[in-house]
C-alpha atoms as a PDB file:
ATOM      1  CA  MET A   1     -15.151  11.759   7.908  1.00  0.00           C
ATOM      2  CA  THR A   2     -12.586  14.522   7.697  1.00  0.00           C
ATOM      3  CA  ALA A   3     -11.822  15.470   4.092  1.00  0.00           C
ATOM      4  CA  TYR A   4      -8.878  17.417   2.733  1.00  0.00           C
ATOM      5  CA  ALA A   5     -10.588  19.724   0.271  1.00  0.00           C
ATOM      6  CA  SER A   6      -8.165  19.513  -2.632  1.00  0.00           C
ATOM      7  CA  ARG A   7      -5.800  16.633  -1.866  1.00  0.00           C
ATOM      8  CA  PHE A   8      -6.860  14.770  -5.037  1.00  0.00           C
ATOM      9  CA  ALA A   9      -7.482  17.784  -7.268  1.00  0.00           C
ATOM     10  CA  GLY A  10      -6.586  16.836 -10.831  1.00  0.00           C
ATOM     11  CA  ARG A  11      -6.132  13.168  -9.916  1.00  0.00           C
ATOM     12  CA  THR A  12      -8.050  10.208 -11.304  1.00  0.00           C
ATOM     13  CA  ALA A  13      -8.771   6.874  -9.662  1.00  0.00           C
ATOM     14  CA  ILE A  14     -10.151   3.433 -10.362  1.00  0.00           C
ATOM     15  CA  VAL A  15     -11.637   1.655  -7.352  1.00  0.00           C
ATOM     16  CA  THR A  16     -12.548  -2.018  -7.609  1.00  0.00           C
ATOM     17  CA  GLY A  17     -15.224  -3.391  -5.335  1.00  0.00           C
ATOM     18  CA  GLY A  18     -16.533   0.162  -5.475  1.00  0.00           C
ATOM     19  CA  ALA A  19     -20.240  -0.577  -5.137  1.00  0.00           C
ATOM     20  CA  SER A  20     -20.184  -1.071  -1.374  1.00  0.00           C
ATOM     21  CA  GLY A  21     -18.114  -1.257   1.775  1.00  0.00           C
ATOM     22  CA  LEU A  22     -14.550  -0.039   1.801  1.00  0.00           C
ATOM     23  CA  GLY A  23     -14.335   0.595  -1.941  1.00  0.00           C
ATOM     24  CA  ARG A  24     -17.368   2.848  -1.903  1.00  0.00           C
ATOM     25  CA  ALA A  25     -16.101   4.736   1.159  1.00  0.00           C
ATOM     26  CA  VAL A  26     -12.711   5.327  -0.471  1.00  0.00           C
ATOM     27  CA  ALA A  27     -14.286   6.492  -3.732  1.00  0.00           C
ATOM     28  CA  ALA A  28     -16.563   8.930  -1.896  1.00  0.00           C
ATOM     29  CA  ARG A  29     -13.616  10.415  -0.064  1.00  0.00           C
ATOM     30  CA  ILE A  30     -11.494  10.792  -3.201  1.00  0.00           C
ATOM     31  CA  VAL A  31     -14.330  12.623  -4.957  1.00  0.00           C
ATOM     32  CA  ALA A  32     -14.938  14.796  -1.875  1.00  0.00           C
ATOM     33  CA  GLU A  33     -11.259  15.724  -1.953  1.00  0.00           C
ATOM     34  CA  GLY A  34     -11.325  16.819  -5.586  1.00  0.00           C
ATOM     35  CA  GLY A  35     -10.599  13.630  -7.539  1.00  0.00           C
ATOM     36  CA  ARG A  36     -12.377  11.930 -10.424  1.00  0.00           C
ATOM     37  CA  VAL A  37     -13.328   8.303  -9.954  1.00  0.00           C
ATOM     38  CA  ALA A  38     -14.326   5.211 -11.916  1.00  0.00           C
ATOM     39  CA  LEU A  39     -16.019   2.416  -9.976  1.00  0.00           C
ATOM     40  CA  TRP A  40     -15.696  -1.263 -10.830  1.00  0.00           C
ATOM     41  CA  ASP A  41     -17.889  -3.994  -9.359  1.00  0.00           C
ATOM     42  CA  GLN A  42     -19.726  -7.124 -10.443  1.00  0.00           C
ATOM     43  CA  ASP A  43     -22.996  -5.975  -8.819  1.00  0.00           C
ATOM     44  CA  ALA A  44     -24.427  -3.760 -11.549  1.00  0.00           C
ATOM     45  CA  ARG A  45     -27.423  -2.528  -9.564  1.00  0.00           C
ATOM     46  CA  SER A  46     -25.426  -1.530  -6.491  1.00  0.00           C
ATOM     47  CA  LEU A  47     -22.789  -0.044  -8.781  1.00  0.00           C
ATOM     48  CA  ALA A  48     -25.302   2.331 -10.332  1.00  0.00           C
ATOM     49  CA  ASP A  49     -26.509   3.433  -6.904  1.00  0.00           C
ATOM     50  CA  ALA A  50     -22.959   3.930  -5.655  1.00  0.00           C
ATOM     51  CA  ALA A  51     -21.970   5.941  -8.717  1.00  0.00           C
ATOM     52  CA  LYS A  52     -24.882   8.315  -8.198  1.00  0.00           C
ATOM     53  CA  ASP A  53     -24.163   8.646  -4.491  1.00  0.00           C
ATOM     54  CA  VAL A  54     -20.411   9.075  -4.867  1.00  0.00           C
ATOM     55  CA  GLY A  55     -20.399  11.158  -8.026  1.00  0.00           C
ATOM     56  CA  ALA A  56     -18.338   8.723 -10.096  1.00  0.00           C
ATOM     57  CA  LEU A  57     -17.612   9.651 -13.711  1.00  0.00           C
ATOM     58  CA  ASP A  58     -17.519   6.062 -14.937  1.00  0.00           C
ATOM     59  CA  THR A  59     -18.690   2.607 -13.932  1.00  0.00           C
ATOM     60  CA  GLN A  60     -17.703  -0.816 -15.186  1.00  0.00           C
ATOM     61  CA  ALA A  61     -19.734  -3.886 -14.212  1.00  0.00           C
ATOM     62  CA  LEU A  62     -17.361  -6.835 -14.453  1.00  0.00           C
ATOM     63  CA  ASP A  63     -15.916  -9.898 -12.815  1.00  0.00           C
ATOM     64  CA  VAL A  64     -12.272  -9.064 -12.124  1.00  0.00           C
ATOM     65  CA  SER A  65     -11.346 -12.747 -12.477  1.00  0.00           C
ATOM     66  CA  GLU A  66     -11.894 -12.429 -16.247  1.00  0.00           C
ATOM     67  CA  LEU A  67      -8.763 -11.021 -17.859  1.00  0.00           C
ATOM     68  CA  ALA A  68     -10.448  -9.776 -21.045  1.00  0.00           C
ATOM     69  CA  ALA A  69     -13.102  -7.960 -19.020  1.00  0.00           C
ATOM     70  CA  VAL A  70     -10.446  -6.249 -16.885  1.00  0.00           C
ATOM     71  CA  GLU A  71      -8.477  -5.122 -19.912  1.00  0.00           C
ATOM     72  CA  ALA A  72     -11.610  -3.757 -21.588  1.00  0.00           C
ATOM     73  CA  ALA A  73     -12.685  -1.977 -18.407  1.00  0.00           C
ATOM     74  CA  ALA A  74      -9.219  -0.465 -17.984  1.00  0.00           C
ATOM     75  CA  ALA A  75      -9.325   0.993 -21.476  1.00  0.00           C
ATOM     76  CA  ALA A  76     -12.870   2.324 -21.033  1.00  0.00           C
ATOM     77  CA  SER A  77     -12.239   3.872 -17.621  1.00  0.00           C
ATOM     78  CA  ALA A  78      -8.946   5.428 -18.681  1.00  0.00           C
ATOM     79  CA  ALA A  79     -10.709   7.079 -21.618  1.00  0.00           C
ATOM     80  CA  ALA A  80     -13.532   8.320 -19.381  1.00  0.00           C
ATOM     81  CA  LEU A  81     -11.024   9.780 -16.931  1.00  0.00           C
ATOM     82  CA  GLY A  82      -9.111  11.695 -19.585  1.00  0.00           C
ATOM     83  CA  ASP A  83      -6.605   9.046 -20.637  1.00  0.00           C
ATOM     84  CA  ARG A  84      -4.922   9.108 -17.253  1.00  0.00           C
ATOM     85  CA  VAL A  85      -5.163   6.791 -14.236  1.00  0.00           C
ATOM     86  CA  ASP A  86      -3.278   8.126 -11.223  1.00  0.00           C
ATOM     87  CA  ILE A  87      -4.680   5.855  -8.516  1.00  0.00           C
ATOM     88  CA  LEU A  88      -5.735   2.218  -8.400  1.00  0.00           C
ATOM     89  CA  VAL A  89      -7.426   0.860  -5.285  1.00  0.00           C
ATOM     90  CA  CYS A  90      -8.064  -2.879  -5.476  1.00  0.00           C
ATOM     91  CA  SER A  91     -10.766  -3.542  -2.895  1.00  0.00           C
ATOM     92  CA  ALA A  92     -12.725  -6.309  -4.638  1.00  0.00           C
ATOM     93  CA  GLY A  93     -12.605  -9.548  -2.682  1.00  0.00           C
ATOM     94  CA  ILE A  94     -14.557 -12.463  -1.248  1.00  0.00           C
ATOM     95  CA  THR A  95     -14.166 -14.542   1.911  1.00  0.00           C
ATOM     96  CA  GLY A  96     -14.980 -17.994   0.574  1.00  0.00           C
ATOM     97  CA  ALA A  97     -16.217 -20.924   2.615  1.00  0.00           C
ATOM     98  CA  THR A  98     -15.674 -21.361   6.348  1.00  0.00           C
ATOM     99  CA  ALA A  99     -14.315 -24.888   6.807  1.00  0.00           C
ATOM    100  CA  PRO A 100     -11.211 -26.750   7.978  1.00  0.00           C
ATOM    101  CA  LEU A 101      -8.587 -27.201   5.290  1.00  0.00           C
ATOM    102  CA  HIS A 102      -9.079 -30.967   4.924  1.00  0.00           C
ATOM    103  CA  ALA A 103     -12.756 -30.386   4.147  1.00  0.00           C
ATOM    104  CA  TYR A 104     -12.434 -27.098   2.270  1.00  0.00           C
ATOM    105  CA  PRO A 105     -14.608 -27.083  -0.899  1.00  0.00           C
ATOM    106  CA  LEU A 106     -12.429 -27.051  -3.991  1.00  0.00           C
ATOM    107  CA  ASP A 107     -14.759 -24.768  -5.915  1.00  0.00           C
ATOM    108  CA  SER A 108     -14.622 -22.173  -3.130  1.00  0.00           C
ATOM    109  CA  TRP A 109     -10.815 -22.397  -2.931  1.00  0.00           C
ATOM    110  CA  LEU A 110     -10.476 -21.746  -6.655  1.00  0.00           C
ATOM    111  CA  ARG A 111     -13.017 -18.922  -6.648  1.00  0.00           C
ATOM    112  CA  VAL A 112     -11.304 -17.128  -3.761  1.00  0.00           C
ATOM    113  CA  PHE A 113      -7.981 -17.196  -5.598  1.00  0.00           C
ATOM    114  CA  ASP A 114      -9.616 -16.199  -8.878  1.00  0.00           C
ATOM    115  CA  ILE A 115     -11.041 -13.033  -7.310  1.00  0.00           C
ATOM    116  CA  ASN A 116      -8.589 -12.138  -4.550  1.00  0.00           C
ATOM    117  CA  VAL A 117      -5.310 -12.981  -6.302  1.00  0.00           C
ATOM    118  CA  ASN A 118      -5.768 -13.465 -10.045  1.00  0.00           C
ATOM    119  CA  GLY A 119      -8.285 -10.629 -10.323  1.00  0.00           C
ATOM    120  CA  LEU A 120      -6.081  -8.250  -8.366  1.00  0.00           C
ATOM    121  CA  PHE A 121      -3.095  -9.260 -10.526  1.00  0.00           C
ATOM    122  CA  TYR A 122      -5.104  -8.569 -13.700  1.00  0.00           C
ATOM    123  CA  CYS A 123      -6.096  -5.119 -12.428  1.00  0.00           C
ATOM    124  CA  ASN A 124      -2.534  -4.195 -11.450  1.00  0.00           C
ATOM    125  CA  ARG A 125      -1.219  -5.569 -14.750  1.00  0.00           C
ATOM    126  CA  ALA A 126      -3.688  -3.530 -16.804  1.00  0.00           C
ATOM    127  CA  ILE A 127      -3.112  -0.212 -15.021  1.00  0.00           C
ATOM    128  CA  VAL A 128       0.631  -0.167 -14.265  1.00  0.00           C
ATOM    129  CA  PRO A 129       1.688   0.565 -17.888  1.00  0.00           C
ATOM    130  CA  ARG A 130      -0.615   3.590 -17.947  1.00  0.00           C
ATOM    131  CA  MET A 131       0.935   4.903 -14.741  1.00  0.00           C
ATOM    132  CA  LEU A 132       4.466   4.338 -16.011  1.00  0.00           C
ATOM    133  CA  ALA A 133       3.639   6.197 -19.219  1.00  0.00           C
ATOM    134  CA  ASN A 134       2.637   9.234 -17.144  1.00  0.00           C
ATOM    135  CA  GLY A 135       5.441   8.875 -14.603  1.00  0.00           C
ATOM    136  CA  TYR A 136       3.042   8.852 -11.655  1.00  0.00           C
ATOM    137  CA  GLY A 137       0.858   6.373  -9.806  1.00  0.00           C
ATOM    138  CA  ARG A 138      -0.399   5.153  -6.472  1.00  0.00           C
ATOM    139  CA  ILE A 139      -1.535   1.538  -6.088  1.00  0.00           C
ATOM    140  CA  VAL A 140      -3.284   0.298  -2.960  1.00  0.00           C
ATOM    141  CA  ASN A 141      -4.012  -3.418  -2.789  1.00  0.00           C
ATOM    142  CA  VAL A 142      -6.356  -4.374   0.035  1.00  0.00           C
ATOM    143  CA  ALA A 143      -5.072  -7.461   1.836  1.00  0.00           C
ATOM    144  CA  SER A 144      -6.046  -8.458   5.391  1.00  0.00           C
ATOM    145  CA  VAL A 145      -4.641  -9.175   8.803  1.00  0.00           C
ATOM    146  CA  ALA A 146      -5.540 -12.778   7.915  1.00  0.00           C
ATOM    147  CA  GLY A 147      -2.740 -12.669   5.357  1.00  0.00           C
ATOM    148  CA  LYS A 148      -0.242 -12.054   8.157  1.00  0.00           C
ATOM    149  CA  GLU A 149      -1.732 -14.017  11.038  1.00  0.00           C
ATOM    150  CA  GLY A 150      -3.999 -16.619   9.427  1.00  0.00           C
ATOM    151  CA  ASN A 151      -7.555 -17.314  10.548  1.00  0.00           C
ATOM    152  CA  PRO A 152      -8.638 -20.883  11.332  1.00  0.00           C
ATOM    153  CA  ASN A 153     -11.229 -22.347   8.968  1.00  0.00           C
ATOM    154  CA  ALA A 154     -10.340 -19.656   6.427  1.00  0.00           C
ATOM    155  CA  SER A 155      -7.344 -21.167   4.656  1.00  0.00           C
ATOM    156  CA  ALA A 156      -8.252 -19.868   1.195  1.00  0.00           C
ATOM    157  CA  TYR A 157      -8.911 -16.331   2.363  1.00  0.00           C
ATOM    158  CA  SER A 158      -5.804 -16.241   4.570  1.00  0.00           C
ATOM    159  CA  ALA A 159      -3.569 -17.664   1.841  1.00  0.00           C
ATOM    160  CA  SER A 160      -5.009 -15.365  -0.818  1.00  0.00           C
ATOM    161  CA  LYS A 161      -4.399 -12.268   1.278  1.00  0.00           C
ATOM    162  CA  ALA A 162      -0.847 -13.409   2.041  1.00  0.00           C
ATOM    163  CA  ALA A 163      -0.397 -13.622  -1.725  1.00  0.00           C
ATOM    164  CA  VAL A 164      -1.647 -10.059  -2.102  1.00  0.00           C
ATOM    165  CA  ILE A 165       0.970  -8.873   0.383  1.00  0.00           C
ATOM    166  CA  GLY A 166       3.754 -10.715  -1.443  1.00  0.00           C
ATOM    167  CA  LEU A 167       2.602  -9.493  -4.855  1.00  0.00           C
ATOM    168  CA  THR A 168       2.481  -5.899  -3.634  1.00  0.00           C
ATOM    169  CA  LYS A 169       5.926  -6.044  -2.067  1.00  0.00           C
ATOM    170  CA  SER A 170       7.343  -7.389  -5.317  1.00  0.00           C
ATOM    171  CA  LEU A 171       5.545  -4.789  -7.410  1.00  0.00           C
ATOM    172  CA  GLY A 172       6.571  -1.918  -5.171  1.00  0.00           C
ATOM    173  CA  LYS A 173      10.231  -2.875  -5.530  1.00  0.00           C
ATOM    174  CA  GLU A 174       9.881  -3.165  -9.313  1.00  0.00           C
ATOM    175  CA  LEU A 175       8.396   0.321  -9.558  1.00  0.00           C
ATOM    176  CA  ALA A 176      10.576   2.108  -6.991  1.00  0.00           C
ATOM    177  CA  GLY A 177      12.115   5.223  -8.471  1.00  0.00           C
ATOM    178  CA  LYS A 178       9.705   5.305 -11.406  1.00  0.00           C
ATOM    179  CA  GLY A 179       7.083   7.563  -9.863  1.00  0.00           C
ATOM    180  CA  VAL A 180       4.697   4.713  -9.100  1.00  0.00           C
ATOM    181  CA  ILE A 181       4.214   3.540  -5.530  1.00  0.00           C
ATOM    182  CA  ALA A 182       2.494   0.297  -4.489  1.00  0.00           C
ATOM    183  CA  ASN A 183       1.478  -0.607  -0.957  1.00  0.00           C
ATOM    184  CA  ALA A 184      -0.965  -2.970   0.726  1.00  0.00           C
ATOM    185  CA  LEU A 185      -3.472  -2.379   3.506  1.00  0.00           C
ATOM    186  CA  THR A 186      -3.903  -5.109   6.130  1.00  0.00           C
ATOM    187  CA  PRO A 187      -7.077  -4.307   8.056  1.00  0.00           C
ATOM    188  CA  ALA A 188      -8.581  -6.382  10.806  1.00  0.00           C
ATOM    189  CA  THR A 189     -12.272  -7.129  10.462  1.00  0.00           C
ATOM    190  CA  PHE A 190     -14.414  -4.045  10.043  1.00  0.00           C
ATOM    191  CA  GLU A 191     -18.134  -3.516   9.619  1.00  0.00           C
ATOM    192  CA  SER A 192     -18.833  -4.291   5.959  1.00  0.00           C
ATOM    193  CA  PRO A 193     -21.275  -6.178   3.718  1.00  0.00           C
ATOM    194  CA  ILE A 194     -18.589  -8.866   3.287  1.00  0.00           C
ATOM    195  CA  LEU A 195     -19.354 -10.037   6.832  1.00  0.00           C
ATOM    196  CA  ALA A 196     -22.635 -11.413   5.524  1.00  0.00           C
ATOM    197  CA  GLN A 197     -20.553 -14.126   3.823  1.00  0.00           C
ATOM    198  CA  LEU A 198     -19.387 -15.414   7.221  1.00  0.00           C
ATOM    199  CA  PRO A 199     -21.122 -17.261  10.057  1.00  0.00           C
ATOM    200  CA  PRO A 200     -21.511 -15.217  13.267  1.00  0.00           C
ATOM    201  CA  SER A 201     -19.100 -17.555  15.063  1.00  0.00           C
ATOM    202  CA  GLN A 202     -16.310 -16.613  12.664  1.00  0.00           C
ATOM    203  CA  VAL A 203     -16.974 -12.893  13.119  1.00  0.00           C
ATOM    204  CA  ASP A 204     -16.978 -13.363  16.896  1.00  0.00           C
ATOM    205  CA  TYR A 205     -13.628 -15.172  16.692  1.00  0.00           C
ATOM    206  CA  MET A 206     -12.072 -12.354  14.693  1.00  0.00           C
ATOM    207  CA  ARG A 207     -13.430  -9.709  17.059  1.00  0.00           C
ATOM    208  CA  SER A 208     -11.993 -11.612  20.029  1.00  0.00           C
ATOM    209  CA  LYS A 209      -8.494 -11.349  18.520  1.00  0.00           C
ATOM    210  CA  ILE A 210      -8.549  -7.540  18.312  1.00  0.00           C
ATOM    211  CA  PRO A 211      -7.025  -5.901  21.421  1.00  0.00           C
ATOM    212  CA  MET A 212      -9.219  -2.839  20.878  1.00  0.00           C
ATOM    213  CA  GLY A 213     -12.173  -5.110  21.621  1.00  0.00           C
ATOM    214  CA  ARG A 214     -14.241  -4.014  18.639  1.00  0.00           C
ATOM    215  CA  LEU A 215     -14.460  -4.298  14.901  1.00  0.00           C
ATOM    216  CA  GLY A 216     -13.026  -1.505  12.826  1.00  0.00           C
ATOM    217  CA  ASP A 217     -14.997   1.247  11.172  1.00  0.00           C
ATOM    218  CA  VAL A 218     -14.843   1.430   7.394  1.00  0.00           C
ATOM    219  CA  GLN A 219     -13.899   5.109   7.502  1.00  0.00           C
ATOM    220  CA  GLU A 220     -10.783   4.311   9.527  1.00  0.00           C
ATOM    221  CA  SER A 221      -9.464   2.117   6.727  1.00  0.00           C
ATOM    222  CA  ALA A 222     -10.686   4.534   4.057  1.00  0.00           C
ATOM    223  CA  ALA A 223      -8.685   7.328   5.679  1.00  0.00           C
ATOM    224  CA  MET A 224      -5.529   5.207   5.641  1.00  0.00           C
ATOM    225  CA  ILE A 225      -6.052   4.241   2.005  1.00  0.00           C
ATOM    226  CA  CYS A 226      -6.510   7.869   1.015  1.00  0.00           C
ATOM    227  CA  PHE A 227      -3.154   8.723   2.556  1.00  0.00           C
ATOM    228  CA  MET A 228      -1.584   5.779   0.707  1.00  0.00           C
ATOM    229  CA  ALA A 229      -3.216   6.966  -2.531  1.00  0.00           C
ATOM    230  CA  SER A 230      -2.075  10.567  -2.163  1.00  0.00           C
ATOM    231  CA  GLU A 231       1.042  12.501  -3.095  1.00  0.00           C
ATOM    232  CA  GLU A 232       1.893  12.634   0.621  1.00  0.00           C
ATOM    233  CA  CYS A 233       2.826   8.942   0.451  1.00  0.00           C
ATOM    234  CA  SER A 234       5.961   9.594  -1.559  1.00  0.00           C
ATOM    235  CA  PHE A 235       8.711   7.512   0.070  1.00  0.00           C
ATOM    236  CA  THR A 236       7.091   4.366   1.451  1.00  0.00           C
ATOM    237  CA  THR A 237       6.527   1.623  -1.091  1.00  0.00           C
ATOM    238  CA  ALA A 238       6.419  -2.197  -1.120  1.00  0.00           C
ATOM    239  CA  ALA A 239       4.997  -1.964   2.398  1.00  0.00           C
ATOM    240  CA  THR A 240       1.923  -2.872   4.406  1.00  0.00           C
ATOM    241  CA  PHE A 241      -0.119  -0.426   6.442  1.00  0.00           C
ATOM    242  CA  ASP A 242      -2.166  -1.865   9.309  1.00  0.00           C
ATOM    243  CA  THR A 243      -5.575  -0.840  10.558  1.00  0.00           C
ATOM    244  CA  SER A 244      -5.861  -3.801  12.898  1.00  0.00           C
ATOM    245  CA  GLY A 245      -6.814  -2.472  16.323  1.00  0.00           C
ATOM    246  CA  GLY A 246      -3.541  -3.838  17.662  1.00  0.00           C
ATOM    247  CA  ARG A 247      -3.973  -7.379  16.352  1.00  0.00           C
ATOM    248  CA  THR A 248      -0.986  -7.668  14.053  1.00  0.00           C
ATOM    249  CA  THR A 249       2.315  -8.705  15.575  1.00  0.00           C
ATOM    250  CA  PHE A 250       4.532  -7.791  12.597  1.00  0.00           C
END
């Protein structure tokens, strides 16, 4: 990992899904580059470990699909960070079941949308007013190459990530010119604890679609997110940034 010593000096961030994987990697990099971070995750034990490892100032154990919990966490984290939230990285997400659409479990479909779409919407909704009040913000919503290309036997995940892309494009246009920038990341599959939710055959399929011939590394996507979350990303908004190993075609 190459860090820019003071890129986030004076900046504050909330990272959802911050206990592991991409969220944890992003949080560690922001802190290493001078920022102050609050971590959100539903896994309280892993959250405590991550906070100690990363150096987070605040943690909130919550299910982002619960609106009241998100609003309470937003207020608590904003206070802990000095009544200012400059950066929001929404990395919390689940894959759901692996099954053809006609046999897809309804409970899994609903849960995927509750976390990946509704939860992300709640987080954006709770933080945007705080950014507007300060005239500055960077929002990074983590989508997926599946939201552009679709993965077979993953209709809920693919559809939910397409929704994240559409939501972010809409939000970015709403906020353009107001000091707040919103973009989405569309990574191909990378090494992460989320892969444990998938059968090996599904992981093999996704690897086979990547021209690079390998899965991504979490630090590659973390580096892209940190650019998107920085002051350097000052003109591009309502866009998607790929870390797909050549998979995406648009």
